[in-house]
Amino acid sequence: MDVRRLVDHLDRRRMVLCHNGTIYSQALFGELTPDEVCPGVFAYAPGWGVLDPGMTMEAHEHPIAEFYVFVSGKGRMRLGDTWFDVEPNMSVNIPPGVEHELANDATSPLPLVFVSVGLRL
């Protein structure tokens, strides 16, 4: 087994803009496809998400279940009509079909960093 294929690190140089340029993203397990990570489970490759201060991920929804695990920084998240604070060591379950968005205040001293996982139904 080549363990180098199974271990990866957050690397800002490898991040790409997603959600119409409103968030930076990087696959959590490098170049592995969702089915190489865990066959039949993930709707997309689990990934790092980063919002620099002042960034807001566009409002959107999916036909899949998602969950976010927040690693660093602080921000605000909306699920449906409800806004709430998010911070490190917090997780959020996003049911299928629920509109959501995420924001990092422009005055924040840190990027908001989280892991995003989408599950097949």
C-alpha atoms as a PDB file:
ATOM      1  CA  MET A   1       0.000   0.000   0.000  1.00  0.00           C
ATOM      2  CA  ASP A   2       1.338   3.434  -0.933  1.00  0.00           C
ATOM      3  CA  VAL A   3       0.373   5.477   2.122  1.00  0.00           C
ATOM      4  CA  ARG A   4       1.350   8.688   0.281  1.00  0.00           C
ATOM      5  CA  ARG A   5      -1.820   8.249  -1.798  1.00  0.00           C
ATOM      6  CA  LEU A   6      -3.899   8.150   1.390  1.00  0.00           C
ATOM      7  CA  VAL A   7      -2.484  11.178   3.228  1.00  0.00           C
ATOM      8  CA  ASP A   8      -2.786  14.813   2.154  1.00  0.00           C
ATOM      9  CA  HIS A   9      -2.461  18.303   3.637  1.00  0.00           C
ATOM     10  CA  LEU A  10      -4.304  21.569   3.263  1.00  0.00           C
ATOM     11  CA  ASP A  11      -2.246  23.584   0.771  1.00  0.00           C
ATOM     12  CA  ARG A  12      -3.456  27.050  -0.217  1.00  0.00           C
ATOM     13  CA  ARG A  13      -1.364  26.880  -3.415  1.00  0.00           C
ATOM     14  CA  ARG A  14      -3.477  23.925  -4.653  1.00  0.00           C
ATOM     15  CA  MET A  15      -6.863  25.433  -3.839  1.00  0.00           C
ATOM     16  CA  VAL A  16      -9.300  26.413  -6.567  1.00  0.00           C
ATOM     17  CA  LEU A  17     -12.234  28.803  -6.489  1.00  0.00           C
ATOM     18  CA  CYS A  18     -15.648  27.091  -6.400  1.00  0.00           C
ATOM     19  CA  HIS A  19     -19.300  28.113  -6.106  1.00  0.00           C
ATOM     20  CA  ASN A  20     -18.912  30.879  -8.683  1.00  0.00           C
ATOM     21  CA  GLY A  21     -15.707  32.138  -7.088  1.00  0.00           C
ATOM     22  CA  THR A  22     -17.148  32.509  -3.587  1.00  0.00           C
ATOM     23  CA  ILE A  23     -15.032  29.880  -1.777  1.00  0.00           C
ATOM     24  CA  TYR A  24     -11.641  28.176  -2.042  1.00  0.00           C
ATOM     25  CA  SER A  25     -11.640  24.370  -2.135  1.00  0.00           C
ATOM     26  CA  GLN A  26      -9.192  21.473  -2.203  1.00  0.00           C
ATOM     27  CA  ALA A  27      -9.898  17.736  -2.227  1.00  0.00           C
ATOM     28  CA  LEU A  28      -9.249  16.211   1.185  1.00  0.00           C
ATOM     29  CA  PHE A  29      -7.631  13.057  -0.195  1.00  0.00           C
ATOM     30  CA  GLY A  30      -5.578  14.500  -3.033  1.00  0.00           C
ATOM     31  CA  GLU A  31      -6.332  13.026  -6.432  1.00  0.00           C
ATOM     32  CA  LEU A  32      -8.414  10.090  -5.171  1.00  0.00           C
ATOM     33  CA  THR A  33     -11.933   9.882  -6.595  1.00  0.00           C
ATOM     34  CA  PRO A  34     -14.887   9.599  -4.194  1.00  0.00           C
ATOM     35  CA  ASP A  35     -15.201   5.874  -4.991  1.00  0.00           C
ATOM     36  CA  GLU A  36     -11.480   5.311  -4.382  1.00  0.00           C
ATOM     37  CA  VAL A  37     -11.905   6.851  -0.924  1.00  0.00           C
ATOM     38  CA  CYS A  38     -15.036   4.876   0.013  1.00  0.00           C
ATOM     39  CA  PRO A  39     -17.042   3.191  -2.782  1.00  0.00           C
ATOM     40  CA  GLY A  40     -20.686   4.217  -3.061  1.00  0.00           C
ATOM     41  CA  VAL A  41     -20.669   6.648  -0.111  1.00  0.00           C
ATOM     42  CA  PHE A  42     -19.495  10.113  -1.183  1.00  0.00           C
ATOM     43  CA  ALA A  43     -21.398  12.301  -3.665  1.00  0.00           C
ATOM     44  CA  TYR A  44     -18.220  14.310  -4.294  1.00  0.00           C
ATOM     45  CA  ALA A  45     -14.649  14.131  -3.092  1.00  0.00           C
ATOM     46  CA  PRO A  46     -14.582  15.320   0.551  1.00  0.00           C
ATOM     47  CA  GLY A  47     -12.762  18.612   0.665  1.00  0.00           C
ATOM     48  CA  TRP A  48     -11.283  21.499   2.533  1.00  0.00           C
ATOM     49  CA  GLY A  49     -13.203  24.753   2.271  1.00  0.00           C
ATOM     50  CA  VAL A  50     -11.688  28.149   3.032  1.00  0.00           C
ATOM     51  CA  LEU A  51     -13.361  31.544   3.191  1.00  0.00           C
ATOM     52  CA  ASP A  52     -10.938  34.411   3.626  1.00  0.00           C
ATOM     53  CA  PRO A  53     -12.143  37.436   5.605  1.00  0.00           C
ATOM     54  CA  GLY A  54     -14.959  39.137   3.716  1.00  0.00           C
ATOM     55  CA  MET A  55     -15.872  36.065   1.621  1.00  0.00           C
ATOM     56  CA  THR A  56     -19.425  34.665   1.534  1.00  0.00           C
ATOM     57  CA  MET A  57     -20.196  31.326  -0.116  1.00  0.00           C
ATOM     58  CA  GLU A  58     -23.169  31.791  -2.410  1.00  0.00           C
ATOM     59  CA  ALA A  59     -26.560  30.510  -1.256  1.00  0.00           C
ATOM     60  CA  HIS A  60     -27.263  27.117  -2.801  1.00  0.00           C
ATOM     61  CA  GLU A  61     -28.853  23.728  -2.186  1.00  0.00           C
ATOM     62  CA  HIS A  62     -28.205  20.129  -3.223  1.00  0.00           C
ATOM     63  CA  PRO A  63     -30.276  16.970  -3.638  1.00  0.00           C
ATOM     64  CA  ILE A  64     -27.693  15.282  -1.369  1.00  0.00           C
ATOM     65  CA  ALA A  65     -26.965  15.380   2.365  1.00  0.00           C
ATOM     66  CA  GLU A  66     -23.865  17.294   3.397  1.00  0.00           C
ATOM     67  CA  PHE A  67     -22.035  18.022   6.588  1.00  0.00           C
ATOM     68  CA  TYR A  68     -19.364  20.540   7.479  1.00  0.00           C
ATOM     69  CA  VAL A  69     -16.777  20.245  10.250  1.00  0.00           C
ATOM     70  CA  PHE A  70     -15.233  23.594  11.221  1.00  0.00           C
ATOM     71  CA  VAL A  71     -11.487  23.577  11.901  1.00  0.00           C
ATOM     72  CA  SER A  72     -10.450  27.202  12.424  1.00  0.00           C
ATOM     73  CA  GLY A  73     -11.757  30.742  12.258  1.00  0.00           C
ATOM     74  CA  LYS A  74     -15.294  31.881  13.022  1.00  0.00           C
ATOM     75  CA  GLY A  75     -18.204  32.766  10.809  1.00  0.00           C
ATOM     76  CA  ARG A  76     -21.946  32.751  10.232  1.00  0.00           C
ATOM     77  CA  MET A  77     -23.982  30.083   8.478  1.00  0.00           C
ATOM     78  CA  ARG A  78     -27.539  29.998   7.209  1.00  0.00           C
ATOM     79  CA  LEU A  79     -29.670  26.861   6.938  1.00  0.00           C
ATOM     80  CA  GLY A  80     -33.046  27.668   5.443  1.00  0.00           C
ATOM     81  CA  ASP A  81     -34.188  30.869   7.190  1.00  0.00           C
ATOM     82  CA  THR A  82     -31.933  30.534  10.256  1.00  0.00           C
ATOM     83  CA  TRP A  83     -28.533  32.184  10.716  1.00  0.00           C
ATOM     84  CA  PHE A  84     -26.141  31.018  13.462  1.00  0.00           C
ATOM     85  CA  ASP A  85     -22.479  31.333  14.474  1.00  0.00           C
ATOM     86  CA  VAL A  86     -19.940  28.645  13.541  1.00  0.00           C
ATOM     87  CA  GLU A  87     -16.550  28.054  15.152  1.00  0.00           C
ATOM     88  CA  PRO A  88     -13.826  25.411  15.474  1.00  0.00           C
ATOM     89  CA  ASN A  89     -14.819  21.956  16.752  1.00  0.00           C
ATOM     90  CA  MET A  90     -18.383  22.446  15.507  1.00  0.00           C
ATOM     91  CA  SER A  91     -20.166  20.339  12.908  1.00  0.00           C
ATOM     92  CA  VAL A  92     -23.290  21.133  10.888  1.00  0.00           C
ATOM     93  CA  ASN A  93     -25.616  18.635   9.207  1.00  0.00           C
ATOM     94  CA  ILE A  94     -27.145  19.997   5.993  1.00  0.00           C
ATOM     95  CA  PRO A  95     -30.201  17.979   4.911  1.00  0.00           C
ATOM     96  CA  PRO A  96     -30.900  17.481   1.194  1.00  0.00           C
ATOM     97  CA  GLY A  97     -32.751  20.350  -0.461  1.00  0.00           C
ATOM     98  CA  VAL A  98     -32.050  22.915   2.296  1.00  0.00           C
ATOM     99  CA  GLU A  99     -30.639  26.196   1.022  1.00  0.00           C
ATOM    100  CA  HIS A 100     -27.470  27.189   2.857  1.00  0.00           C
ATOM    101  CA  GLU A 101     -24.703  29.764   2.772  1.00  0.00           C
ATOM    102  CA  LEU A 102     -21.626  30.553   4.818  1.00  0.00           C
ATOM    103  CA  ALA A 103     -19.876  33.850   5.571  1.00  0.00           C
ATOM    104  CA  ASN A 104     -16.624  35.080   7.077  1.00  0.00           C
ATOM    105  CA  ASP A 105     -16.857  38.679   8.295  1.00  0.00           C
ATOM    106  CA  ALA A 106     -14.568  41.211   6.605  1.00  0.00           C
ATOM    107  CA  THR A 107     -13.149  42.186  10.017  1.00  0.00           C
ATOM    108  CA  SER A 108     -12.236  38.605  10.930  1.00  0.00           C
ATOM    109  CA  PRO A 109      -8.517  38.118  11.632  1.00  0.00           C
ATOM    110  CA  LEU A 110      -8.546  34.522  10.282  1.00  0.00           C
ATOM    111  CA  PRO A 111      -9.810  32.498   7.341  1.00  0.00           C
ATOM    112  CA  LEU A 112     -12.777  30.248   8.092  1.00  0.00           C
ATOM    113  CA  VAL A 113     -11.607  26.666   7.421  1.00  0.00           C
ATOM    114  CA  PHE A 114     -13.857  23.602   7.317  1.00  0.00           C
ATOM    115  CA  VAL A 115     -14.176  20.127   5.853  1.00  0.00           C
ATOM    116  CA  SER A 116     -17.135  19.498   3.527  1.00  0.00           C
ATOM    117  CA  VAL A 117     -18.560  16.022   2.960  1.00  0.00           C
ATOM    118  CA  GLY A 118     -21.433  15.184   0.600  1.00  0.00           C
ATOM    119  CA  LEU A 119     -23.179  11.829   0.933  1.00  0.00           C
ATOM    120  CA  ARG A 120     -25.024   9.791  -1.660  1.00  0.00           C
ATOM    121  CA  LEU A 121     -28.602   9.032  -0.702  1.00  0.00           C
END
